[in-house]
Full PDB file with SEQRES, HELIX, SHEET, SSBOND, CRYST1, ORIGX, SCALE, CONECT and MASTER records, all heavy atoms in Angstrom:
SEQRES   1 A   44  GLU SER LYS MET CYS VAL GLY VAL VAL VAL ALA SER LYS          
SEQRES   2 A   44  ASP TYR PRO PHE LYS ASN SER PRO LYS GLU LYS ILE THR          
SEQRES   3 A   44  ILE GLU SER LEU LYS GLU GLY THR GLU SER HIS ILE SER          
SEQRES   4 A   44  PHE ALA GLY VAL SER                                          
CRYST1    1.000    1.000    1.000  90.00  90.00  90.00 P 1           1          
ORIGX1      1.000000  0.000000  0.000000        0.00000                         
ORIGX2      0.000000  1.000000  0.000000        0.00000                         
ORIGX3      0.000000  0.000000  1.000000        0.00000                         
SCALE1      1.000000  0.000000  0.000000        0.00000                         
SCALE2      0.000000  1.000000  0.000000        0.00000                         
SCALE3      0.000000  0.000000  1.000000        0.00000                         
ATOM      1  N   GLU A   1      32.364  -1.726 -11.972  1.00  0.00           N  
ATOM      2  CA  GLU A   1      32.958  -0.508 -11.497  1.00  0.00           C  
ATOM      3  C   GLU A   1      33.336  -0.664 -10.000  1.00  0.00           C  
ATOM      4  O   GLU A   1      32.680  -1.245  -9.241  1.00  0.00           O  
ATOM      5  CB  GLU A   1      32.257   0.724 -11.756  1.00  0.00           C  
ATOM      6  CG  GLU A   1      32.042   1.087 -13.153  1.00  0.00           C  
ATOM      7  CD  GLU A   1      31.504   2.550 -13.338  1.00  0.00           C  
ATOM      8  OE1 GLU A   1      32.118   3.384 -12.689  1.00  0.00           O  
ATOM      9  OE2 GLU A   1      30.549   2.654 -14.079  1.00  0.00           O  
ATOM     10  N   SER A   2      34.565  -0.086  -9.560  1.00  0.00           N  
ATOM     11  CA  SER A   2      34.837  -0.163  -8.143  1.00  0.00           C  
ATOM     12  C   SER A   2      34.327   1.131  -7.442  1.00  0.00           C  
ATOM     13  O   SER A   2      35.008   1.977  -7.023  1.00  0.00           O  
ATOM     14  CB  SER A   2      36.332  -0.281  -7.854  1.00  0.00           C  
ATOM     15  OG  SER A   2      36.976   0.698  -8.689  1.00  0.00           O  
ATOM     16  N   LYS A   3      32.965   1.262  -7.551  1.00  0.00           N  
ATOM     17  CA  LYS A   3      32.374   2.481  -6.980  1.00  0.00           C  
ATOM     18  C   LYS A   3      31.093   2.008  -6.118  1.00  0.00           C  
ATOM     19  O   LYS A   3      30.785   0.817  -6.021  1.00  0.00           O  
ATOM     20  CB  LYS A   3      31.783   3.431  -8.044  1.00  0.00           C  
ATOM     21  CG  LYS A   3      32.869   3.937  -8.928  1.00  0.00           C  
ATOM     22  CD  LYS A   3      32.394   5.229  -9.636  1.00  0.00           C  
ATOM     23  CE  LYS A   3      33.638   5.886 -10.315  1.00  0.00           C  
ATOM     24  NZ  LYS A   3      33.464   7.337 -10.594  1.00  0.00           N  
ATOM     25  N   MET A   4      30.600   2.941  -5.326  1.00  0.00           N  
ATOM     26  CA  MET A   4      29.436   2.778  -4.525  1.00  0.00           C  
ATOM     27  C   MET A   4      28.189   3.391  -5.244  1.00  0.00           C  
ATOM     28  O   MET A   4      28.435   4.323  -6.034  1.00  0.00           O  
ATOM     29  CB  MET A   4      29.542   3.451  -3.208  1.00  0.00           C  
ATOM     30  CG  MET A   4      30.638   2.976  -2.244  1.00  0.00           C  
ATOM     31  SD  MET A   4      30.426   1.294  -1.676  1.00  0.00           S  
ATOM     32  CE  MET A   4      29.034   1.548  -0.550  1.00  0.00           C  
ATOM     33  N   CYS A   5      27.068   2.766  -4.994  1.00  0.00           N  
ATOM     34  CA  CYS A   5      25.878   3.232  -5.711  1.00  0.00           C  
ATOM     35  C   CYS A   5      24.655   3.297  -4.739  1.00  0.00           C  
ATOM     36  O   CYS A   5      24.545   2.440  -4.012  1.00  0.00           O  
ATOM     37  CB  CYS A   5      25.550   2.350  -6.948  1.00  0.00           C  
ATOM     38  SG  CYS A   5      24.436   3.115  -8.122  1.00  0.00           S  
ATOM     39  N   VAL A   6      23.944   4.411  -4.675  1.00  0.00           N  
ATOM     40  CA  VAL A   6      22.903   4.628  -3.664  1.00  0.00           C  
ATOM     41  C   VAL A   6      21.619   5.068  -4.523  1.00  0.00           C  
ATOM     42  O   VAL A   6      21.719   5.833  -5.472  1.00  0.00           O  
ATOM     43  CB  VAL A   6      23.238   5.736  -2.765  1.00  0.00           C  
ATOM     44  CG1 VAL A   6      21.995   5.996  -1.840  1.00  0.00           C  
ATOM     45  CG2 VAL A   6      24.427   5.305  -1.811  1.00  0.00           C  
ATOM     46  N   GLY A   7      20.505   4.450  -4.117  1.00  0.00           N  
ATOM     47  CA  GLY A   7      19.210   4.778  -4.823  1.00  0.00           C  
ATOM     48  C   GLY A   7      18.300   5.242  -3.774  1.00  0.00           C  
ATOM     49  O   GLY A   7      18.058   4.502  -2.731  1.00  0.00           O  
ATOM     50  N   VAL A   8      17.623   6.371  -3.874  1.00  0.00           N  
ATOM     51  CA  VAL A   8      16.495   6.782  -3.067  1.00  0.00           C  
ATOM     52  C   VAL A   8      15.232   6.863  -3.745  1.00  0.00           C  
ATOM     53  O   VAL A   8      15.156   7.552  -4.875  1.00  0.00           O  
ATOM     54  CB  VAL A   8      16.881   8.347  -2.623  1.00  0.00           C  
ATOM     55  CG1 VAL A   8      15.848   8.928  -1.668  1.00  0.00           C  
ATOM     56  CG2 VAL A   8      18.196   8.339  -1.901  1.00  0.00           C  
ATOM     57  N   VAL A   9      14.285   6.108  -3.248  1.00  0.00           N  
ATOM     58  CA  VAL A   9      13.044   6.081  -3.819  1.00  0.00           C  
ATOM     59  C   VAL A   9      12.155   7.320  -3.455  1.00  0.00           C  
ATOM     60  O   VAL A   9      12.128   7.736  -2.353  1.00  0.00           O  
ATOM     61  CB  VAL A   9      12.176   4.833  -3.307  1.00  0.00           C  
ATOM     62  CG1 VAL A   9      10.647   4.860  -3.766  1.00  0.00           C  
ATOM     63  CG2 VAL A   9      12.853   3.556  -3.866  1.00  0.00           C  
ATOM     64  N   VAL A  10      11.552   7.945  -4.503  1.00  0.00           N  
ATOM     65  CA  VAL A  10      10.537   9.170  -4.336  1.00  0.00           C  
ATOM     66  C   VAL A  10       9.208   8.543  -4.482  1.00  0.00           C  
ATOM     67  O   VAL A  10       8.915   8.075  -5.660  1.00  0.00           O  
ATOM     68  CB  VAL A  10      10.930  10.203  -5.286  1.00  0.00           C  
ATOM     69  CG1 VAL A  10       9.939  11.382  -4.983  1.00  0.00           C  
ATOM     70  CG2 VAL A  10      12.401  10.760  -4.954  1.00  0.00           C  
ATOM     71  N   ALA A  11       8.307   8.519  -3.521  1.00  0.00           N  
ATOM     72  CA  ALA A  11       7.047   7.992  -3.691  1.00  0.00           C  
ATOM     73  C   ALA A  11       5.953   9.006  -3.706  1.00  0.00           C  
ATOM     74  O   ALA A  11       6.250  10.208  -3.300  1.00  0.00           O  
ATOM     75  CB  ALA A  11       6.779   7.009  -2.561  1.00  0.00           C  
ATOM     76  N   SER A  12       4.731   8.534  -4.023  1.00  0.00           N  
ATOM     77  CA  SER A  12       3.614   9.525  -3.970  1.00  0.00           C  
ATOM     78  C   SER A  12       3.134   9.788  -2.638  1.00  0.00           C  
ATOM     79  O   SER A  12       3.364   9.008  -1.690  1.00  0.00           O  
ATOM     80  CB  SER A  12       2.458   9.017  -4.985  1.00  0.00           C  
ATOM     81  OG  SER A  12       2.232   7.754  -4.707  1.00  0.00           O  
ATOM     82  N   LYS A  13       2.263  10.753  -2.398  1.00  0.00           N  
ATOM     83  CA  LYS A  13       1.718  11.196  -1.090  1.00  0.00           C  
ATOM     84  C   LYS A  13       1.165  10.045  -0.185  1.00  0.00           C  
ATOM     85  O   LYS A  13       1.515   9.981   1.031  1.00  0.00           O  
ATOM     86  CB  LYS A  13       0.673  12.285  -1.259  1.00  0.00           C  
ATOM     87  CG  LYS A  13       0.187  12.880   0.002  1.00  0.00           C  
ATOM     88  CD  LYS A  13      -0.797  13.952  -0.163  1.00  0.00           C  
ATOM     89  CE  LYS A  13      -2.066  13.489  -0.807  1.00  0.00           C  
ATOM     90  NZ  LYS A  13      -3.130  14.402  -0.775  1.00  0.00           N  
ATOM     91  N   ASP A  14       0.358   9.385  -0.674  1.00  0.00           N  
ATOM     92  CA  ASP A  14      -0.440   8.233   0.015  1.00  0.00           C  
ATOM     93  C   ASP A  14       0.124   6.921   0.041  1.00  0.00           C  
ATOM     94  O   ASP A  14      -0.425   5.937   0.582  1.00  0.00           O  
ATOM     95  CB  ASP A  14      -1.782   8.182  -0.531  1.00  0.00           C  
ATOM     96  CG  ASP A  14      -2.638   9.604  -0.292  1.00  0.00           C  
ATOM     97  OD1 ASP A  14      -2.463  10.214   0.761  1.00  0.00           O  
ATOM     98  OD2 ASP A  14      -3.239   9.979  -1.192  1.00  0.00           O  
ATOM     99  N   TYR A  15       1.416   6.680  -0.594  1.00  0.00           N  
ATOM    100  CA  TYR A  15       2.032   5.459  -0.558  1.00  0.00           C  
ATOM    101  C   TYR A  15       2.483   5.076   0.856  1.00  0.00           C  
ATOM    102  O   TYR A  15       2.852   5.900   1.629  1.00  0.00           O  
ATOM    103  CB  TYR A  15       3.207   5.410  -1.453  1.00  0.00           C  
ATOM    104  CG  TYR A  15       4.020   4.151  -1.648  1.00  0.00           C  
ATOM    105  CD1 TYR A  15       3.476   3.109  -2.237  1.00  0.00           C  
ATOM    106  CD2 TYR A  15       5.182   4.008  -0.945  1.00  0.00           C  
ATOM    107  CE1 TYR A  15       4.108   1.948  -2.382  1.00  0.00           C  
ATOM    108  CE2 TYR A  15       5.836   2.770  -0.986  1.00  0.00           C  
ATOM    109  CZ  TYR A  15       5.400   1.735  -1.759  1.00  0.00           C  
ATOM    110  OH  TYR A  15       6.130   0.525  -1.800  1.00  0.00           O  
ATOM    111  N   PRO A  16       2.345   3.868   1.365  1.00  0.00           N  
ATOM    112  CA  PRO A  16       1.784   2.580   0.614  1.00  0.00           C  
ATOM    113  C   PRO A  16       0.402   2.278   1.031  1.00  0.00           C  
ATOM    114  O   PRO A  16      -0.049   1.177   0.770  1.00  0.00           O  
ATOM    115  CB  PRO A  16       2.700   1.517   1.163  1.00  0.00           C  
ATOM    116  CG  PRO A  16       2.902   1.937   2.666  1.00  0.00           C  
ATOM    117  CD  PRO A  16       2.831   3.385   2.660  1.00  0.00           C  
ATOM    118  N   PHE A  17      -0.451   3.311   1.485  1.00  0.00           N  
ATOM    119  CA  PHE A  17      -1.717   2.993   1.880  1.00  0.00           C  
ATOM    120  C   PHE A  17      -2.766   2.977   0.822  1.00  0.00           C  
ATOM    121  O   PHE A  17      -3.700   2.258   0.844  1.00  0.00           O  
ATOM    122  CB  PHE A  17      -2.109   4.014   3.056  1.00  0.00           C  
ATOM    123  CG  PHE A  17      -1.073   4.040   4.080  1.00  0.00           C  
ATOM    124  CD1 PHE A  17      -0.163   5.118   4.303  1.00  0.00           C  
ATOM    125  CD2 PHE A  17      -0.970   3.078   4.981  1.00  0.00           C  
ATOM    126  CE1 PHE A  17       0.800   5.187   5.227  1.00  0.00           C  
ATOM    127  CE2 PHE A  17      -0.135   3.194   6.127  1.00  0.00           C  
ATOM    128  CZ  PHE A  17       0.851   4.251   6.123  1.00  0.00           C  
ATOM    129  N   LYS A  18      -2.707   3.832  -0.189  1.00  0.00           N  
ATOM    130  CA  LYS A  18      -3.789   3.969  -1.230  1.00  0.00           C  
ATOM    131  C   LYS A  18      -3.164   4.624  -2.404  1.00  0.00           C  
ATOM    132  O   LYS A  18      -2.001   5.381  -2.313  1.00  0.00           O  
ATOM    133  CB  LYS A  18      -4.952   4.637  -0.694  1.00  0.00           C  
ATOM    134  CG  LYS A  18      -4.814   6.099  -0.202  1.00  0.00           C  
ATOM    135  CD  LYS A  18      -6.064   6.720   0.275  1.00  0.00           C  
ATOM    136  CE  LYS A  18      -5.916   8.112   0.674  1.00  0.00           C  
ATOM    137  NZ  LYS A  18      -7.171   8.757   0.992  1.00  0.00           N  
ATOM    138  N   ASN A  19      -3.914   4.628  -3.488  1.00  0.00           N  
ATOM    139  CA  ASN A  19      -3.465   5.397  -4.707  1.00  0.00           C  
ATOM    140  C   ASN A  19      -3.489   6.927  -4.302  1.00  0.00           C  
ATOM    141  O   ASN A  19      -4.392   7.314  -3.782  1.00  0.00           O  
ATOM    142  CB  ASN A  19      -4.353   5.036  -5.919  1.00  0.00           C  
ATOM    143  CG  ASN A  19      -4.255   3.514  -6.290  1.00  0.00           C  
ATOM    144  OD1 ASN A  19      -3.146   3.077  -6.177  1.00  0.00           O  
ATOM    145  ND2 ASN A  19      -5.223   3.001  -6.860  1.00  0.00           N  
ATOM    146  N   SER A  20      -2.617   7.706  -4.986  1.00  0.00           N  
ATOM    147  CA  SER A  20      -2.586   9.062  -4.876  1.00  0.00           C  
ATOM    148  C   SER A  20      -3.021   9.717  -6.219  1.00  0.00           C  
ATOM    149  O   SER A  20      -2.920   9.136  -7.343  1.00  0.00           O  
ATOM    150  CB  SER A  20      -1.154   9.533  -4.549  1.00  0.00           C  
ATOM    151  OG  SER A  20      -0.628   8.935  -3.465  1.00  0.00           O  
ATOM    152  N   PRO A  21      -3.530  11.011  -6.223  1.00  0.00           N  
ATOM    153  CA  PRO A  21      -3.931  11.686  -7.398  1.00  0.00           C  
ATOM    154  C   PRO A  21      -2.652  11.902  -8.218  1.00  0.00           C  
ATOM    155  O   PRO A  21      -1.508  11.908  -7.774  1.00  0.00           O  
ATOM    156  CB  PRO A  21      -4.298  13.048  -6.887  1.00  0.00           C  
ATOM    157  CG  PRO A  21      -4.689  12.831  -5.393  1.00  0.00           C  
ATOM    158  CD  PRO A  21      -3.763  11.748  -4.901  1.00  0.00           C  
ATOM    159  N   LYS A  22      -2.816  11.873  -9.476  1.00  0.00           N  
ATOM    160  CA  LYS A  22      -1.744  12.111 -10.487  1.00  0.00           C  
ATOM    161  C   LYS A  22      -1.202  13.587 -10.239  1.00  0.00           C  
ATOM    162  O   LYS A  22      -2.009  14.425 -10.058  1.00  0.00           O  
ATOM    163  CB  LYS A  22      -2.142  11.951 -11.979  1.00  0.00           C  
ATOM    164  CG  LYS A  22      -2.261  10.576 -12.444  1.00  0.00           C  
ATOM    165  CD  LYS A  22      -2.519  10.420 -13.893  1.00  0.00           C  
ATOM    166  CE  LYS A  22      -2.648   9.031 -14.346  1.00  0.00           C  
ATOM    167  NZ  LYS A  22      -2.736   8.868 -15.787  1.00  0.00           N  
ATOM    168  N   GLU A  23       0.089  13.706 -10.358  1.00  0.00           N  
ATOM    169  CA  GLU A  23       0.751  15.029 -10.112  1.00  0.00           C  
ATOM    170  C   GLU A  23       1.843  15.171 -11.106  1.00  0.00           C  
ATOM    171  O   GLU A  23       2.650  14.339 -11.482  1.00  0.00           O  
ATOM    172  CB  GLU A  23       1.518  15.079  -8.726  1.00  0.00           C  
ATOM    173  CG  GLU A  23       0.442  15.053  -7.556  1.00  0.00           C  
ATOM    174  CD  GLU A  23      -0.443  16.136  -7.442  1.00  0.00           C  
ATOM    175  OE1 GLU A  23      -0.223  17.202  -8.111  1.00  0.00           O  
ATOM    176  OE2 GLU A  23      -1.442  16.149  -6.611  1.00  0.00           O  
ATOM    177  N   LYS A  24       1.899  16.394 -11.750  1.00  0.00           N  
ATOM    178  CA  LYS A  24       2.913  16.724 -12.715  1.00  0.00           C  
ATOM    179  C   LYS A  24       4.317  16.811 -12.093  1.00  0.00           C  
ATOM    180  O   LYS A  24       4.420  17.320 -11.028  1.00  0.00           O  
ATOM    181  CB  LYS A  24       2.556  18.006 -13.407  1.00  0.00           C  
ATOM    182  CG  LYS A  24       3.468  18.431 -14.597  1.00  0.00           C  
ATOM    183  CD  LYS A  24       3.006  19.750 -15.093  1.00  0.00           C  
ATOM    184  CE  LYS A  24       3.971  20.324 -16.214  1.00  0.00           C  
ATOM    185  NZ  LYS A  24       3.543  21.621 -16.711  1.00  0.00           N  
ATOM    186  N   ILE A  25       5.283  16.111 -12.805  1.00  0.00           N  
ATOM    187  CA  ILE A  25       6.690  16.118 -12.299  1.00  0.00           C  
ATOM    188  C   ILE A  25       7.495  17.126 -12.999  1.00  0.00           C  
ATOM    189  O   ILE A  25       7.435  17.300 -14.243  1.00  0.00           O  
ATOM    190  CB  ILE A  25       7.262  14.730 -12.503  1.00  0.00           C  
ATOM    191  CG1 ILE A  25       6.464  13.640 -11.774  1.00  0.00           C  
ATOM    192  CG2 ILE A  25       8.684  14.754 -12.009  1.00  0.00           C  
ATOM    193  CD1 ILE A  25       6.895  12.253 -12.254  1.00  0.00           C  
ATOM    194  N   THR A  26       8.301  17.998 -12.223  1.00  0.00           N  
ATOM    195  CA  THR A  26       9.336  18.770 -12.942  1.00  0.00           C  
ATOM    196  C   THR A  26      10.613  18.381 -12.343  1.00  0.00           C  
ATOM    197  O   THR A  26      10.739  18.153 -11.107  1.00  0.00           O  
ATOM    198  CB  THR A  26       9.069  20.348 -12.577  1.00  0.00           C  
ATOM    199  OG1 THR A  26       9.201  20.533 -11.207  1.00  0.00           O  
ATOM    200  CG2 THR A  26       7.710  20.706 -13.163  1.00  0.00           C  
ATOM    201  N   ILE A  27      11.729  18.456 -13.223  1.00  0.00           N  
ATOM    202  CA  ILE A  27      13.008  17.987 -12.841  1.00  0.00           C  
ATOM    203  C   ILE A  27      14.019  19.062 -13.280  1.00  0.00           C  
ATOM    204  O   ILE A  27      14.039  19.349 -14.445  1.00  0.00           O  
ATOM    205  CB  ILE A  27      13.305  16.675 -13.380  1.00  0.00           C  
ATOM    206  CG1 ILE A  27      12.391  15.540 -12.998  1.00  0.00           C  
ATOM    207  CG2 ILE A  27      14.793  16.133 -13.028  1.00  0.00           C  
ATOM    208  CD1 ILE A  27      12.490  14.236 -13.747  1.00  0.00           C  
ATOM    209  N   GLU A  28      14.720  19.690 -12.345  1.00  0.00           N  
ATOM    210  CA  GLU A  28      15.748  20.603 -12.653  1.00  0.00           C  
ATOM    211  C   GLU A  28      17.011  19.938 -13.184  1.00  0.00           C  
ATOM    212  O   GLU A  28      17.385  18.884 -12.731  1.00  0.00           O  
ATOM    213  CB  GLU A  28      16.112  21.395 -11.462  1.00  0.00           C  
ATOM    214  CG  GLU A  28      14.967  22.178 -10.805  1.00  0.00           C  
ATOM    215  CD  GLU A  28      15.274  22.828  -9.522  1.00  0.00           C  
ATOM    216  OE1 GLU A  28      16.358  22.683  -9.030  1.00  0.00           O  
ATOM    217  OE2 GLU A  28      14.388  23.316  -8.885  1.00  0.00           O  
ATOM    218  N   SER A  29      17.702  20.601 -14.100  1.00  0.00           N  
ATOM    219  CA  SER A  29      18.944  20.069 -14.702  1.00  0.00           C  
ATOM    220  C   SER A  29      19.958  20.122 -13.555  1.00  0.00           C  
ATOM    221  O   SER A  29      20.156  21.177 -12.860  1.00  0.00           O  
ATOM    222  CB  SER A  29      19.404  20.930 -15.893  1.00  0.00           C  
ATOM    223  OG  SER A  29      18.411  20.720 -16.932  1.00  0.00           O  
ATOM    224  N   LEU A  30      20.917  19.105 -13.558  1.00  0.00           N  
ATOM    225  CA  LEU A  30      22.018  19.104 -12.603  1.00  0.00           C  
ATOM    226  C   LEU A  30      23.278  19.581 -13.410  1.00  0.00           C  
ATOM    227  O   LEU A  30      23.233  19.546 -14.618  1.00  0.00           O  
ATOM    228  CB  LEU A  30      22.298  17.672 -11.998  1.00  0.00           C  
ATOM    229  CG  LEU A  30      21.097  17.152 -11.203  1.00  0.00           C  
ATOM    230  CD1 LEU A  30      21.575  15.751 -10.631  1.00  0.00           C  
ATOM    231  CD2 LEU A  30      20.782  18.149 -10.070  1.00  0.00           C  
ATOM    232  N   LYS A  31      24.190  20.144 -12.596  1.00  0.00           N  
ATOM    233  CA  LYS A  31      25.379  20.585 -13.331  1.00  0.00           C  
ATOM    234  C   LYS A  31      26.143  19.457 -13.835  1.00  0.00           C  
ATOM    235  O   LYS A  31      26.122  18.129 -13.389  1.00  0.00           O  
ATOM    236  CB  LYS A  31      26.362  21.334 -12.294  1.00  0.00           C  
ATOM    237  CG  LYS A  31      26.923  20.387 -11.221  1.00  0.00           C  
ATOM    238  CD  LYS A  31      27.873  21.160 -10.264  1.00  0.00           C  
ATOM    239  CE  LYS A  31      28.421  20.274  -9.144  1.00  0.00           C  
ATOM    240  NZ  LYS A  31      29.300  20.981  -8.278  1.00  0.00           N  
ATOM    241  N   GLU A  32      26.901  19.503 -14.983  1.00  0.00           N  
ATOM    242  CA  GLU A  32      27.550  18.457 -15.666  1.00  0.00           C  
ATOM    243  C   GLU A  32      28.602  17.838 -14.834  1.00  0.00           C  
ATOM    244  O   GLU A  32      29.261  18.480 -13.982  1.00  0.00           O  
ATOM    245  CB  GLU A  32      28.210  19.017 -17.001  1.00  0.00           C  
ATOM    246  CG  GLU A  32      27.283  19.365 -18.003  1.00  0.00           C  
ATOM    247  CD  GLU A  32      27.776  18.952 -19.379  1.00  0.00           C  
ATOM    248  OE1 GLU A  32      28.765  18.159 -19.497  1.00  0.00           O  
ATOM    249  OE2 GLU A  32      27.180  19.479 -20.369  1.00  0.00           O  
ATOM    250  N   GLY A  33      28.754  16.473 -14.941  1.00  0.00           N  
ATOM    251  CA  GLY A  33      29.788  15.812 -14.226  1.00  0.00           C  
ATOM    252  C   GLY A  33      29.131  15.242 -12.891  1.00  0.00           C  
ATOM    253  O   GLY A  33      29.811  14.397 -12.213  1.00  0.00           O  
ATOM    254  N   THR A  34      27.979  15.541 -12.492  1.00  0.00           N  
ATOM    255  CA  THR A  34      27.358  14.919 -11.380  1.00  0.00           C  
ATOM    256  C   THR A  34      26.948  13.446 -11.611  1.00  0.00           C  
ATOM    257  O   THR A  34      26.232  13.210 -12.630  1.00  0.00           O  
ATOM    258  CB  THR A  34      26.032  15.710 -11.002  1.00  0.00           C  
ATOM    259  OG1 THR A  34      26.410  17.104 -10.573  1.00  0.00           O  
ATOM    260  CG2 THR A  34      25.394  15.155  -9.715  1.00  0.00           C  
ATOM    261  N   GLU A  35      27.438  12.571 -10.904  1.00  0.00           N  
ATOM    262  CA  GLU A  35      27.356  11.200 -11.177  1.00  0.00           C  
ATOM    263  C   GLU A  35      25.959  10.650 -10.573  1.00  0.00           C  
ATOM    264  O   GLU A  35      25.860   9.941  -9.546  1.00  0.00           O  
ATOM    265  CB  GLU A  35      28.532  10.239 -10.632  1.00  0.00           C  
ATOM    266  CG  GLU A  35      29.693  10.270 -11.545  1.00  0.00           C  
ATOM    267  CD  GLU A  35      30.513   8.993 -11.310  1.00  0.00           C  
ATOM    268  OE1 GLU A  35      31.349   9.003 -10.367  1.00  0.00           O  
ATOM    269  OE2 GLU A  35      30.353   8.079 -12.160  1.00  0.00           O  
ATOM    270  N   SER A  36      24.728  11.040 -11.158  1.00  0.00           N  
ATOM    271  CA  SER A  36      23.583  10.704 -10.775  1.00  0.00           C  
ATOM    272  C   SER A  36      22.558  10.642 -12.021  1.00  0.00           C  
ATOM    273  O   SER A  36      22.757  11.264 -12.989  1.00  0.00           O  
ATOM    274  CB  SER A  36      23.035  11.592  -9.683  1.00  0.00           C  
ATOM    275  OG  SER A  36      22.869  12.958 -10.139  1.00  0.00           O  
ATOM    276  N   HIS A  37      21.529   9.822 -11.794  1.00  0.00           N  
ATOM    277  CA  HIS A  37      20.477   9.797 -12.767  1.00  0.00           C  
ATOM    278  C   HIS A  37      19.157   9.416 -12.140  1.00  0.00           C  
ATOM    279  O   HIS A  37      19.184   9.041 -10.890  1.00  0.00           O  
ATOM    280  CB  HIS A  37      20.904   8.871 -13.923  1.00  0.00           C  
ATOM    281  CG  HIS A  37      21.022   7.436 -13.500  1.00  0.00           C  
ATOM    282  ND1 HIS A  37      22.029   6.833 -13.016  1.00  0.00           N  
ATOM    283  CD2 HIS A  37      20.069   6.485 -13.445  1.00  0.00           C  
ATOM    284  CE1 HIS A  37      21.865   5.550 -12.680  1.00  0.00           C  
ATOM    285  NE2 HIS A  37      20.567   5.289 -12.897  1.00  0.00           N  
ATOM    286  N   ILE A  38      18.139   9.344 -12.836  1.00  0.00           N  
ATOM    287  CA  ILE A  38      16.764   8.916 -12.321  1.00  0.00           C  
ATOM    288  C   ILE A  38      16.416   7.708 -13.142  1.00  0.00           C  
ATOM    289  O   ILE A  38      16.483   7.607 -14.323  1.00  0.00           O  
ATOM    290  CB  ILE A  38      15.786   9.969 -12.543  1.00  0.00           C  
ATOM    291  CG1 ILE A  38      16.067  11.205 -11.711  1.00  0.00           C  
ATOM    292  CG2 ILE A  38      14.442   9.476 -12.197  1.00  0.00           C  
ATOM    293  CD1 ILE A  38      15.250  12.459 -11.931  1.00  0.00           C  
ATOM    294  N   SER A  39      15.880   6.637 -12.330  1.00  0.00           N  
ATOM    295  CA  SER A  39      15.142   5.527 -12.932  1.00  0.00           C  
ATOM    296  C   SER A  39      13.598   5.680 -12.699  1.00  0.00           C  
ATOM    297  O   SER A  39      13.250   5.844 -11.539  1.00  0.00           O  
ATOM    298  CB  SER A  39      15.639   4.166 -12.354  1.00  0.00           C  
ATOM    299  OG  SER A  39      16.900   3.874 -12.926  1.00  0.00           O  
ATOM    300  N   PHE A  40      12.919   5.770 -13.752  1.00  0.00           N  
ATOM    301  CA  PHE A  40      11.412   6.095 -13.584  1.00  0.00           C  
ATOM    302  C   PHE A  40      10.688   4.786 -13.447  1.00  0.00           C  
ATOM    303  O   PHE A  40      11.011   3.863 -14.014  1.00  0.00           O  
ATOM    304  CB  PHE A  40      10.997   6.850 -14.811  1.00  0.00           C  
ATOM    305  CG  PHE A  40      11.536   8.205 -14.963  1.00  0.00           C  
ATOM    306  CD1 PHE A  40      12.738   8.473 -15.667  1.00  0.00           C  
ATOM    307  CD2 PHE A  40      10.981   9.313 -14.322  1.00  0.00           C  
ATOM    308  CE1 PHE A  40      13.220   9.805 -15.866  1.00  0.00           C  
ATOM    309  CE2 PHE A  40      11.544  10.533 -14.369  1.00  0.00           C  
ATOM    310  CZ  PHE A  40      12.642  10.878 -15.125  1.00  0.00           C  
ATOM    311  N   ALA A  41       9.678   4.865 -12.572  1.00  0.00           N  
ATOM    312  CA  ALA A  41       8.766   3.669 -12.307  1.00  0.00           C  
ATOM    313  C   ALA A  41       7.331   4.063 -12.522  1.00  0.00           C  
ATOM    314  O   ALA A  41       6.793   3.791 -13.553  1.00  0.00           O  
ATOM    315  CB  ALA A  41       8.988   3.241 -10.885  1.00  0.00           C  
ATOM    316  N   GLY A  42       6.571   4.517 -11.454  1.00  0.00           N  
ATOM    317  CA  GLY A  42       5.259   4.845 -11.500  1.00  0.00           C  
ATOM    318  C   GLY A  42       4.875   6.220 -12.094  1.00  0.00           C  
ATOM    319  O   GLY A  42       4.473   7.000 -11.541  1.00  0.00           O  
ATOM    320  N   VAL A  43       5.199   6.272 -13.518  1.00  0.00           N  
ATOM    321  CA  VAL A  43       4.954   7.540 -14.124  1.00  0.00           C  
ATOM    322  C   VAL A  43       4.210   7.275 -15.436  1.00  0.00           C  
ATOM    323  O   VAL A  43       4.282   6.285 -16.066  1.00  0.00           O  
ATOM    324  CB  VAL A  43       6.357   8.276 -14.506  1.00  0.00           C  
ATOM    325  CG1 VAL A  43       7.114   8.656 -13.294  1.00  0.00           C  
ATOM    326  CG2 VAL A  43       7.229   7.406 -15.434  1.00  0.00           C  
ATOM    327  N   SER A  44       3.349   8.220 -15.821  1.00  0.00           N  
ATOM    328  CA  SER A  44       2.647   8.287 -17.064  1.00  0.00           C  
ATOM    329  C   SER A  44       2.935   9.557 -17.859  1.00  0.00           C  
ATOM    330  O   SER A  44       3.491  10.463 -17.338  1.00  0.00           O  
ATOM    331  CB  SER A  44       1.148   8.100 -16.859  1.00  0.00           C  
ATOM    332  OG  SER A  44       0.730   9.131 -15.941  1.00  0.00           O  
TER     333      SER A  44                                                      
MASTER        0    0    0    0    0    0    0    6  332    1    0    4          
END                                                                             
């Protein structure tokens, strides 16, 4: 595609120094047509 793509990492509180406590994630729905998505990494 002839487009630009930007990725913003969302990290836990104590990164990169030590492990953080597990925290529940909530994600609000975005309006249709928004060209964005989430790639999940450190999640259980």
